[in-house]
C-alpha atoms as a PDB file:
ATOM      1  CA  MET A   1       7.373 -17.410   1.897  1.00  0.00           C
ATOM      2  CA  ALA A   2       4.390 -19.668   1.262  1.00  0.00           C
ATOM      3  CA  ASP A   3       3.447 -19.520   4.938  1.00  0.00           C
ATOM      4  CA  THR A   4       3.586 -15.723   4.872  1.00  0.00           C
ATOM      5  CA  CYS A   5       1.401 -15.551   1.764  1.00  0.00           C
ATOM      6  CA  GLY A   6      -1.075 -17.868   3.432  1.00  0.00           C
ATOM      7  CA  GLN A   7      -1.134 -15.657   6.517  1.00  0.00           C
ATOM      8  CA  VAL A   8      -1.711 -12.568   4.345  1.00  0.00           C
ATOM      9  CA  LEU A   9      -4.617 -14.181   2.489  1.00  0.00           C
ATOM     10  CA  LEU A  10      -6.205 -15.518   5.656  1.00  0.00           C
ATOM     11  CA  GLY A  11      -5.720 -12.206   7.447  1.00  0.00           C
ATOM     12  CA  SER A  12      -7.220 -10.275   4.537  1.00  0.00           C
ATOM     13  CA  GLY A  13     -10.276 -12.519   4.511  1.00  0.00           C
ATOM     14  CA  LEU A  14     -10.828 -12.111   8.233  1.00  0.00           C
ATOM     15  CA  THR A  15     -10.318  -8.352   7.887  1.00  0.00           C
ATOM     16  CA  VAL A  16     -13.051  -8.095   5.258  1.00  0.00           C
ATOM     17  CA  LEU A  17     -15.466 -10.162   7.338  1.00  0.00           C
ATOM     18  CA  SER A  18     -14.808  -8.249  10.567  1.00  0.00           C
ATOM     19  CA  HIS A  19     -14.680  -4.762   9.053  1.00  0.00           C
ATOM     20  CA  PRO A  20     -18.342  -3.812   9.652  1.00  0.00           C
ATOM     21  CA  LEU A  21     -17.911  -4.768  13.318  1.00  0.00           C
ATOM     22  CA  MET A  22     -14.837  -2.568  13.689  1.00  0.00           C
ATOM     23  CA  TYR A  23     -16.536   0.278  11.803  1.00  0.00           C
ATOM     24  CA  ILE A  24     -19.486   0.340  14.193  1.00  0.00           C
ATOM     25  CA  LYS A  25     -17.215  -0.048  17.222  1.00  0.00           C
ATOM     26  CA  VAL A  26     -15.152   2.991  16.180  1.00  0.00           C
ATOM     27  CA  LEU A  27     -18.272   5.138  15.729  1.00  0.00           C
ATOM     28  CA  VAL A  28     -19.464   4.128  19.193  1.00  0.00           C
ATOM     29  CA  GLN A  29     -16.016   4.824  20.643  1.00  0.00           C
ATOM     30  CA  VAL A  30     -16.103   8.441  19.463  1.00  0.00           C
ATOM     31  CA  GLY A  31     -19.562   8.835  20.988  1.00  0.00           C
ATOM     32  CA  HIS A  32     -21.766   8.844  17.892  1.00  0.00           C
ATOM     33  CA  GLU A  33     -25.268   7.610  18.795  1.00  0.00           C
ATOM     34  CA  PRO A  34     -27.533   8.199  15.769  1.00  0.00           C
ATOM     35  CA  LEU A  35     -30.402   6.171  17.239  1.00  0.00           C
ATOM     36  CA  PRO A  36     -32.169   7.059  20.515  1.00  0.00           C
ATOM     37  CA  PRO A  37     -32.402   4.602  23.409  1.00  0.00           C
ATOM     38  CA  SER A  38     -35.234   2.095  23.272  1.00  0.00           C
ATOM     39  CA  ILE A  39     -36.858  -0.351  25.660  1.00  0.00           C
ATOM     40  CA  GLY A  40     -35.310  -3.797  25.528  1.00  0.00           C
ATOM     41  CA  ARG A  41     -34.526  -6.736  27.778  1.00  0.00           C
ATOM     42  CA  ASN A  42     -31.283  -7.470  29.586  1.00  0.00           C
ATOM     43  CA  LEU A  43     -29.678 -10.857  30.149  1.00  0.00           C
ATOM     44  CA  PHE A  44     -32.132 -11.569  32.990  1.00  0.00           C
ATOM     45  CA  GLY A  45     -35.204 -10.755  30.911  1.00  0.00           C
ATOM     46  CA  ARG A  46     -36.002  -7.472  32.660  1.00  0.00           C
ATOM     47  CA  GLN A  47     -37.219  -4.504  30.634  1.00  0.00           C
ATOM     48  CA  VAL A  48     -34.619  -1.718  30.550  1.00  0.00           C
ATOM     49  CA  TYR A  49     -33.664   1.218  28.350  1.00  0.00           C
ATOM     50  CA  GLN A  50     -30.856   0.192  26.031  1.00  0.00           C
ATOM     51  CA  LEU A  51     -28.766   1.737  23.317  1.00  0.00           C
ATOM     52  CA  PRO A  52     -29.012   0.219  19.827  1.00  0.00           C
ATOM     53  CA  GLY A  53     -26.774  -2.774  19.360  1.00  0.00           C
ATOM     54  CA  LEU A  54     -24.638  -3.981  16.488  1.00  0.00           C
ATOM     55  CA  PHE A  55     -27.429  -4.975  14.112  1.00  0.00           C
ATOM     56  CA  ALA A  56     -29.572  -1.867  14.647  1.00  0.00           C
ATOM     57  CA  TYR A  57     -26.503   0.311  14.081  1.00  0.00           C
ATOM     58  CA  ALA A  58     -25.601  -1.630  10.920  1.00  0.00           C
ATOM     59  CA  LYS A  59     -29.142  -1.189   9.546  1.00  0.00           C
ATOM     60  CA  HIS A  60     -28.853   2.555  10.146  1.00  0.00           C
ATOM     61  CA  ILE A  61     -25.586   2.742   8.179  1.00  0.00           C
ATOM     62  CA  ILE A  62     -27.045   0.649   5.335  1.00  0.00           C
ATOM     63  CA  LYS A  63     -30.091   2.945   5.216  1.00  0.00           C
ATOM     64  CA  ILE A  64     -27.823   5.958   4.650  1.00  0.00           C
ATOM     65  CA  ASP A  65     -24.876   4.613   2.635  1.00  0.00           C
ATOM     66  CA  GLY A  66     -26.070   1.223   1.447  1.00  0.00           C
ATOM     67  CA  LYS A  67     -24.344  -2.091   2.203  1.00  0.00           C
ATOM     68  CA  ALA A  68     -21.095  -0.783   0.724  1.00  0.00           C
ATOM     69  CA  GLY A  69     -21.118   1.864   3.456  1.00  0.00           C
ATOM     70  CA  LEU A  70     -20.264  -0.812   6.018  1.00  0.00           C
ATOM     71  CA  PHE A  71     -16.841  -1.116   4.385  1.00  0.00           C
ATOM     72  CA  ASN A  72     -15.664   2.487   4.596  1.00  0.00           C
ATOM     73  CA  GLY A  73     -11.948   2.474   5.396  1.00  0.00           C
ATOM     74  CA  LEU A  74     -11.421  -1.111   4.252  1.00  0.00           C
ATOM     75  CA  ALA A  75      -8.656  -0.356   1.712  1.00  0.00           C
ATOM     76  CA  PRO A  76      -6.176   1.261   4.165  1.00  0.00           C
ATOM     77  CA  ARG A  77      -6.994  -1.427   6.724  1.00  0.00           C
ATOM     78  CA  LEU A  78      -6.131  -4.158   4.220  1.00  0.00           C
ATOM     79  CA  CYS A  79      -2.870  -2.328   3.486  1.00  0.00           C
ATOM     80  CA  ALA A  80      -2.114  -2.206   7.210  1.00  0.00           C
ATOM     81  CA  GLY A  81      -2.874  -5.897   7.665  1.00  0.00           C
ATOM     82  CA  THR A  82      -0.795  -7.023   4.681  1.00  0.00           C
ATOM     83  CA  ILE A  83       2.221  -4.857   5.463  1.00  0.00           C
ATOM     84  CA  GLY A  84       1.992  -5.717   9.167  1.00  0.00           C
ATOM     85  CA  THR A  85       2.067  -9.448   8.438  1.00  0.00           C
ATOM     86  CA  LEU A  86       5.064  -9.056   6.137  1.00  0.00           C
ATOM     87  CA  VAL A  87       7.004  -6.905   8.618  1.00  0.00           C
ATOM     88  CA  HIS A  88       6.202  -9.221  11.540  1.00  0.00           C
ATOM     89  CA  SER A  89       7.318 -12.257   9.564  1.00  0.00           C
ATOM     90  CA  ARG A  90      10.435 -10.524   8.249  1.00  0.00           C
ATOM     91  CA  VAL A  91      11.580  -9.382  11.693  1.00  0.00           C
ATOM     92  CA  LEU A  92      11.379 -12.958  12.949  1.00  0.00           C
ATOM     93  CA  GLN A  93      13.006 -14.428   9.819  1.00  0.00           C
ATOM     94  CA  VAL A  94      16.058 -12.167   9.785  1.00  0.00           C
ATOM     95  CA  GLY A  95      16.637 -12.971  13.430  1.00  0.00           C
ATOM     96  CA  LEU A  96      16.487  -9.372  14.676  1.00  0.00           C
ATOM     97  CA  ALA A  97      14.334 -10.371  17.628  1.00  0.00           C
ATOM     98  CA  ASN A  98      16.527 -13.412  18.317  1.00  0.00           C
ATOM     99  CA  LYS A  99      19.689 -11.284  18.354  1.00  0.00           C
ATOM    100  CA  LEU A 100      18.206  -8.750  20.748  1.00  0.00           C
ATOM    101  CA  VAL A 101      16.926 -11.449  23.089  1.00  0.00           C
ATOM    102  CA  SER A 102      20.010 -13.687  22.964  1.00  0.00           C
ATOM    103  CA  GLY A 103      22.174 -10.744  23.918  1.00  0.00           C
ATOM    104  CA  THR A 104      20.395 -10.322  27.243  1.00  0.00           C
ATOM    105  CA  SER A 105      19.363 -13.836  28.270  1.00  0.00           C
ATOM    106  CA  GLN A 106      20.493 -17.421  28.245  1.00  0.00           C
ATOM    107  CA  LYS A 107      18.883 -20.377  26.499  1.00  0.00           C
ATOM    108  CA  ALA A 108      16.049 -21.892  28.472  1.00  0.00           C
ATOM    109  CA  GLU A 109      14.210 -25.197  28.535  1.00  0.00           C
ATOM    110  CA  GLU A 110      10.934 -25.184  26.610  1.00  0.00           C
ATOM    111  CA  GLY A 111       7.994 -24.588  28.955  1.00  0.00           C
ATOM    112  CA  SER A 112      10.076 -22.831  31.603  1.00  0.00           C
ATOM    113  CA  LEU A 113       9.409 -19.272  32.704  1.00  0.00           C
ATOM    114  CA  GLN A 114      12.631 -18.080  31.068  1.00  0.00           C
ATOM    115  CA  HIS A 115      11.560 -19.656  27.776  1.00  0.00           C
ATOM    116  CA  VAL A 116       8.182 -17.895  27.954  1.00  0.00           C
ATOM    117  CA  VAL A 117       9.910 -14.586  28.697  1.00  0.00           C
ATOM    118  CA  ASN A 118      12.299 -15.046  25.757  1.00  0.00           C
ATOM    119  CA  GLU A 119       9.539 -15.974  23.291  1.00  0.00           C
ATOM    120  CA  THR A 120       7.276 -13.176  24.511  1.00  0.00           C
ATOM    121  CA  THR A 121      10.101 -10.671  24.099  1.00  0.00           C
ATOM    122  CA  LYS A 122      10.705 -11.821  20.507  1.00  0.00           C
ATOM    123  CA  GLU A 123       7.005 -11.547  19.720  1.00  0.00           C
ATOM    124  CA  MET A 124       6.840  -8.117  21.374  1.00  0.00           C
ATOM    125  CA  ILE A 125       9.667  -6.822  19.174  1.00  0.00           C
ATOM    126  CA  ALA A 126       8.096  -8.202  15.994  1.00  0.00           C
ATOM    127  CA  ARG A 127       4.637  -6.867  16.830  1.00  0.00           C
ATOM    128  CA  SER A 128       5.956  -3.453  17.819  1.00  0.00           C
ATOM    129  CA  CYS A 129       7.855  -3.116  14.535  1.00  0.00           C
ATOM    130  CA  ALA A 130       4.732  -4.069  12.584  1.00  0.00           C
ATOM    131  CA  THR A 131       2.572  -1.645  14.591  1.00  0.00           C
ATOM    132  CA  ILE A 132       4.921   1.293  14.050  1.00  0.00           C
ATOM    133  CA  VAL A 133       5.225   0.671  10.301  1.00  0.00           C
ATOM    134  CA  THR A 134       1.486   0.233   9.733  1.00  0.00           C
ATOM    135  CA  HIS A 135       0.167   2.900  12.108  1.00  0.00           C
ATOM    136  CA  PRO A 136      -0.195   5.542   9.347  1.00  0.00           C
ATOM    137  CA  PHE A 137      -2.652   3.236   7.559  1.00  0.00           C
ATOM    138  CA  HIS A 138      -4.452   2.645  10.863  1.00  0.00           C
ATOM    139  CA  VAL A 139      -4.877   6.399  11.315  1.00  0.00           C
ATOM    140  CA  ILE A 140      -6.283   6.766   7.793  1.00  0.00           C
ATOM    141  CA  THR A 141      -8.648   3.841   8.371  1.00  0.00           C
ATOM    142  CA  LEU A 142     -10.100   5.436  11.497  1.00  0.00           C
ATOM    143  CA  ARG A 143     -10.522   8.823   9.848  1.00  0.00           C
ATOM    144  CA  CYS A 144     -12.283   7.291   6.841  1.00  0.00           C
ATOM    145  CA  MET A 145     -14.725   5.703   9.283  1.00  0.00           C
ATOM    146  CA  VAL A 146     -15.312   8.785  11.440  1.00  0.00           C
ATOM    147  CA  GLN A 147     -16.226  10.813   8.335  1.00  0.00           C
ATOM    148  CA  PHE A 148     -19.635   9.150   8.579  1.00  0.00           C
ATOM    149  CA  ILE A 149     -20.554  11.453  11.474  1.00  0.00           C
ATOM    150  CA  GLY A 150     -20.122  14.763   9.640  1.00  0.00           C
ATOM    151  CA  ARG A 151     -20.686  13.328   6.147  1.00  0.00           C
ATOM    152  CA  GLU A 152     -17.264  14.615   5.092  1.00  0.00           C
ATOM    153  CA  THR A 153     -15.211  13.366   2.160  1.00  0.00           C
ATOM    154  CA  LYS A 154     -11.856  14.713   3.302  1.00  0.00           C
ATOM    155  CA  TYR A 155     -10.249  11.265   3.358  1.00  0.00           C
ATOM    156  CA  SER A 156     -10.994   9.325   0.178  1.00  0.00           C
ATOM    157  CA  GLY A 157      -8.557   6.787  -1.176  1.00  0.00           C
ATOM    158  CA  VAL A 158      -5.308   5.647   0.394  1.00  0.00           C
ATOM    159  CA  PHE A 159      -2.916   7.879  -1.533  1.00  0.00           C
ATOM    160  CA  ASP A 160      -5.122  10.982  -1.364  1.00  0.00           C
ATOM    161  CA  SER A 161      -5.475  10.450   2.385  1.00  0.00           C
ATOM    162  CA  ILE A 162      -1.705  10.206   2.803  1.00  0.00           C
ATOM    163  CA  VAL A 163      -1.316  13.550   1.030  1.00  0.00           C
ATOM    164  CA  THR A 164      -4.094  15.098   3.158  1.00  0.00           C
ATOM    165  CA  VAL A 165      -2.546  14.002   6.445  1.00  0.00           C
ATOM    166  CA  TYR A 166       0.915  15.198   5.421  1.00  0.00           C
ATOM    167  CA  LYS A 167      -0.319  18.605   4.221  1.00  0.00           C
ATOM    168  CA  ASN A 168      -2.379  19.280   7.346  1.00  0.00           C
ATOM    169  CA  GLU A 169      -0.309  17.712  10.129  1.00  0.00           C
ATOM    170  CA  GLY A 170       3.065  16.747   8.738  1.00  0.00           C
ATOM    171  CA  VAL A 171       4.798  13.453   9.486  1.00  0.00           C
ATOM    172  CA  LEU A 172       3.617  13.404  13.115  1.00  0.00           C
ATOM    173  CA  GLY A 173       0.014  13.214  11.933  1.00  0.00           C
ATOM    174  CA  PHE A 174       0.630   9.675  10.710  1.00  0.00           C
ATOM    175  CA  PHE A 175       1.521   8.575  14.240  1.00  0.00           C
ATOM    176  CA  ALA A 176      -1.335  10.135  16.204  1.00  0.00           C
ATOM    177  CA  GLY A 177      -2.328   7.734  18.982  1.00  0.00           C
ATOM    178  CA  LEU A 178       0.696   5.467  18.485  1.00  0.00           C
ATOM    179  CA  ILE A 179       2.002   5.495  22.077  1.00  0.00           C
ATOM    180  CA  PRO A 180      -1.160   4.210  23.815  1.00  0.00           C
ATOM    181  CA  ARG A 181      -1.591   1.641  21.042  1.00  0.00           C
ATOM    182  CA  LEU A 182       1.931   0.314  21.547  1.00  0.00           C
ATOM    183  CA  LEU A 183       1.533   0.270  25.325  1.00  0.00           C
ATOM    184  CA  GLY A 184      -1.759  -1.594  25.055  1.00  0.00           C
ATOM    185  CA  ASP A 185      -0.332  -4.188  22.653  1.00  0.00           C
ATOM    186  CA  VAL A 186       2.734  -4.828  24.810  1.00  0.00           C
ATOM    187  CA  LEU A 187       0.787  -5.058  28.072  1.00  0.00           C
ATOM    188  CA  SER A 188      -1.834  -7.332  26.510  1.00  0.00           C
ATOM    189  CA  LEU A 189       0.837  -9.669  25.142  1.00  0.00           C
ATOM    190  CA  TRP A 190       2.705  -9.980  28.440  1.00  0.00           C
ATOM    191  CA  ILE A 191      -0.437 -10.373  30.555  1.00  0.00           C
ATOM    192  CA  CYS A 192      -1.770 -13.056  28.206  1.00  0.00           C
ATOM    193  CA  ASN A 193       1.455 -15.099  28.047  1.00  0.00           C
ATOM    194  CA  MET A 194       2.291 -14.808  31.752  1.00  0.00           C
ATOM    195  CA  LEU A 195      -1.211 -15.814  32.844  1.00  0.00           C
ATOM    196  CA  ALA A 196      -1.267 -18.684  30.358  1.00  0.00           C
ATOM    197  CA  HIS A 197       2.093 -19.889  31.697  1.00  0.00           C
ATOM    198  CA  LEU A 198       0.818 -19.804  35.287  1.00  0.00           C
ATOM    199  CA  VAL A 199      -2.358 -21.690  34.356  1.00  0.00           C
ATOM    200  CA  ASN A 200      -0.520 -24.276  32.256  1.00  0.00           C
ATOM    201  CA  THR A 201       2.145 -24.815  34.939  1.00  0.00           C
ATOM    202  CA  TYR A 202       0.119 -24.868  38.146  1.00  0.00           C
ATOM    203  CA  ALA A 203      -3.472 -25.652  37.131  1.00  0.00           C
ATOM    204  CA  ILE A 204      -3.071 -28.210  34.343  1.00  0.00           C
ATOM    205  CA  ASP A 205      -1.597 -31.647  34.969  1.00  0.00           C
ATOM    206  CA  ASP A 206       0.426 -33.027  32.056  1.00  0.00           C
ATOM    207  CA  SER A 207      -0.968 -36.476  32.819  1.00  0.00           C
ATOM    208  CA  MET A 208      -4.474 -35.303  31.920  1.00  0.00           C
ATOM    209  CA  SER A 209      -5.991 -36.315  28.593  1.00  0.00           C
ATOM    210  CA  HIS A 210      -6.229 -33.678  25.858  1.00  0.00           C
ATOM    211  CA  THR A 211      -3.603 -31.551  27.610  1.00  0.00           C
ATOM    212  CA  GLY A 212      -2.687 -29.750  24.379  1.00  0.00           C
ATOM    213  CA  GLU A 213      -6.280 -28.701  23.689  1.00  0.00           C
ATOM    214  CA  ILE A 214      -6.720 -27.516  27.273  1.00  0.00           C
ATOM    215  CA  LYS A 215      -3.559 -25.389  27.081  1.00  0.00           C
ATOM    216  CA  ASN A 216      -4.707 -23.853  23.805  1.00  0.00           C
ATOM    217  CA  CYS A 217      -8.024 -23.056  25.429  1.00  0.00           C
ATOM    218  CA  SER A 218      -6.302 -21.427  28.398  1.00  0.00           C
ATOM    219  CA  GLN A 219      -4.257 -19.297  25.992  1.00  0.00           C
ATOM    220  CA  ALA A 220      -7.455 -18.090  24.319  1.00  0.00           C
ATOM    221  CA  VAL A 221      -9.140 -17.308  27.644  1.00  0.00           C
ATOM    222  CA  THR A 222      -6.161 -15.398  29.014  1.00  0.00           C
ATOM    223  CA  GLY A 223      -5.920 -13.522  25.712  1.00  0.00           C
ATOM    224  CA  PHE A 224      -9.540 -12.416  26.029  1.00  0.00           C
ATOM    225  CA  PHE A 225      -8.953 -11.380  29.644  1.00  0.00           C
ATOM    226  CA  ALA A 226      -5.843  -9.404  28.691  1.00  0.00           C
ATOM    227  CA  SER A 227      -7.695  -7.606  25.887  1.00  0.00           C
ATOM    228  CA  MET A 228     -10.420  -6.593  28.340  1.00  0.00           C
ATOM    229  CA  LEU A 229      -7.860  -5.182  30.788  1.00  0.00           C
ATOM    230  CA  THR A 230      -6.032  -3.195  28.129  1.00  0.00           C
ATOM    231  CA  TYR A 231      -9.111  -1.967  26.249  1.00  0.00           C
ATOM    232  CA  PRO A 232      -8.745   1.625  27.581  1.00  0.00           C
ATOM    233  CA  PHE A 233      -5.464   1.901  25.667  1.00  0.00           C
ATOM    234  CA  VAL A 234      -7.263   0.906  22.443  1.00  0.00           C
ATOM    235  CA  LEU A 235     -10.001   3.465  23.087  1.00  0.00           C
ATOM    236  CA  VAL A 236      -7.586   6.305  23.854  1.00  0.00           C
ATOM    237  CA  SER A 237      -5.409   5.454  20.855  1.00  0.00           C
ATOM    238  CA  ASN A 238      -8.360   5.515  18.458  1.00  0.00           C
ATOM    239  CA  LEU A 239      -9.670   8.776  19.874  1.00  0.00           C
ATOM    240  CA  MET A 240      -6.257  10.441  19.596  1.00  0.00           C
ATOM    241  CA  ALA A 241      -5.919   9.238  15.986  1.00  0.00           C
ATOM    242  CA  VAL A 242      -8.980  11.306  14.983  1.00  0.00           C
ATOM    243  CA  ASN A 243      -8.705  14.115  17.536  1.00  0.00           C
ATOM    244  CA  ASN A 244      -8.502  17.618  16.070  1.00  0.00           C
ATOM    245  CA  CYS A 245      -7.976  16.320  12.530  1.00  0.00           C
ATOM    246  CA  GLY A 246     -10.637  18.524  10.948  1.00  0.00           C
ATOM    247  CA  LEU A 247     -13.460  15.977  11.111  1.00  0.00           C
ATOM    248  CA  ALA A 248     -16.659  16.524  13.107  1.00  0.00           C
ATOM    249  CA  GLY A 249     -16.071  13.299  15.031  1.00  0.00           C
ATOM    250  CA  GLY A 250     -12.748  14.579  16.348  1.00  0.00           C
ATOM    251  CA  LEU A 251     -13.869  18.079  17.320  1.00  0.00           C
ATOM    252  CA  PRO A 252     -16.241  19.567  19.904  1.00  0.00           C
ATOM    253  CA  PRO A 253     -18.985  18.730  20.773  1.00  0.00           C
ATOM    254  CA  TYR A 254     -18.033  15.097  20.097  1.00  0.00           C
ATOM    255  CA  ALA A 255     -14.586  15.414  21.607  1.00  0.00           C
ATOM    256  CA  SER A 256     -12.501  17.921  23.461  1.00  0.00           C
ATOM    257  CA  ILE A 257      -9.139  18.920  22.013  1.00  0.00           C
ATOM    258  CA  TYR A 258      -6.593  16.819  23.885  1.00  0.00           C
ATOM    259  CA  PRO A 259      -2.970  18.062  23.955  1.00  0.00           C
ATOM    260  CA  THR A 260      -1.716  14.561  24.829  1.00  0.00           C
ATOM    261  CA  TRP A 261      -3.101  11.066  25.149  1.00  0.00           C
ATOM    262  CA  VAL A 262      -2.750  11.328  28.926  1.00  0.00           C
ATOM    263  CA  ASP A 263      -5.230  14.231  28.911  1.00  0.00           C
ATOM    264  CA  CYS A 264      -7.637  12.102  26.878  1.00  0.00           C
ATOM    265  CA  TRP A 265      -7.261   9.250  29.369  1.00  0.00           C
ATOM    266  CA  ARG A 266      -7.962  11.541  32.327  1.00  0.00           C
ATOM    267  CA  HIS A 267     -11.027  13.055  30.684  1.00  0.00           C
ATOM    268  CA  LEU A 268     -12.512   9.667  29.814  1.00  0.00           C
ATOM    269  CA  SER A 269     -11.762   8.393  33.311  1.00  0.00           C
ATOM    270  CA  LEU A 270     -13.486  11.352  34.970  1.00  0.00           C
ATOM    271  CA  GLU A 271     -16.584  10.833  32.828  1.00  0.00           C
ATOM    272  CA  GLY A 272     -16.621   7.071  33.393  1.00  0.00           C
ATOM    273  CA  ASN A 273     -16.195   6.342  29.670  1.00  0.00           C
ATOM    274  CA  MET A 274     -13.121   4.099  29.755  1.00  0.00           C
ATOM    275  CA  SER A 275     -15.120   1.126  28.435  1.00  0.00           C
ATOM    276  CA  ARG A 276     -17.134   2.987  25.788  1.00  0.00           C
ATOM    277  CA  GLY A 277     -17.529   0.797  22.730  1.00  0.00           C
ATOM    278  CA  ASN A 278     -16.221  -2.321  24.468  1.00  0.00           C
ATOM    279  CA  SER A 279     -19.545  -4.100  24.001  1.00  0.00           C
ATOM    280  CA  LEU A 280     -21.925  -3.819  21.055  1.00  0.00           C
ATOM    281  CA  PHE A 281     -24.653  -5.928  22.655  1.00  0.00           C
ATOM    282  CA  PHE A 282     -26.860  -5.127  25.674  1.00  0.00           C
ATOM    283  CA  ARG A 283     -25.490  -1.595  25.742  1.00  0.00           C
ATOM    284  CA  LYS A 284     -26.393   0.348  28.862  1.00  0.00           C
ATOM    285  CA  LEU A 285     -27.217   4.034  28.985  1.00  0.00           C
ATOM    286  CA  PRO A 286     -24.408   6.217  30.394  1.00  0.00           C
ATOM    287  CA  VAL A 287     -25.103   7.113  34.009  1.00  0.00           C
ATOM    288  CA  GLY A 288     -26.060  10.751  34.544  1.00  0.00           C
ATOM    289  CA  LYS A 289     -26.133  11.562  30.816  1.00  0.00           C
ATOM    290  CA  THR A 290     -28.999  12.849  28.632  1.00  0.00           C
ATOM    291  CA  TYR A 291     -29.479  11.913  25.005  1.00  0.00           C
ATOM    292  CA  ALA A 292     -29.274  14.954  22.707  1.00  0.00           C
ATOM    293  CA  THR A 293     -31.335  14.159  19.610  1.00  0.00           C
ATOM    294  CA  ASP A 294     -29.976  17.059  17.557  1.00  0.00           C
ATOM    295  CA  GLN A 295     -26.333  16.196  18.298  1.00  0.00           C
ATOM    296  CA  LYS A 296     -26.881  12.401  18.220  1.00  0.00           C
ATOM    297  CA  ARG A 297     -24.820  11.840  21.338  1.00  0.00           C
ATOM    298  CA  PHE A 298     -25.043  11.886  25.122  1.00  0.00           C
ATOM    299  CA  ILE A 299     -24.316  15.070  27.028  1.00  0.00           C
END
């Protein structure tokens, strides 16, 4: 119990610190560009037209809503983080994941491929349970953020937002964008753990000094690589969570009305926007697009 409480407190602290970053990323993901391109320098020092980065975007938000504006949607996100940690921990503690895994596989030696598969499966089950339970709060968080575009106040407060979603969309509204989010989480987890196992088994010699630190480093690198590969699922999930919900950021001209997340994926792919919002530094202008000052987006 003490470990879980520690994880909740640590997670909440990190959530507060990282919230402005996520807020800006979400606004970029939906295509909101309140500041026009400007001349800057790329990594090689050459002058190029660039989109405003993280700090310029943050200054723009502060200018309109003050510093507190950077924390729109924080309350439901803290709820999601706290509940998610508790559910994840509880699933592992009660042995639900262990029972499901032990019923389909045999015990394996630590470090073997079978052991990695078993542990990854347990983690997948725990994470998926936490994601499903907390997704309604994730949806509310995103909608609180996207309100910045149209200056709406439709979603204000956790409980009022729950009532709003239920009245307008029913129970299914709480799970908008869930499928691509689950798929992305599962794929990212398996890619990360399988790659880390391959690196630790075939590229790292156990006789080397600081083997433990090197393996931890390889886990972090493969995790970053996996998150890059599965980023399109994150983008599509976030867009579907706000699509056609009555907010300007989820309606034309910012977004088409997508019947399913597959339609959203296809549309983004055709426009070459599958990595939109992936980077908040050295942002390039979209190829073949023109900046519309009145709409504050590219068309």
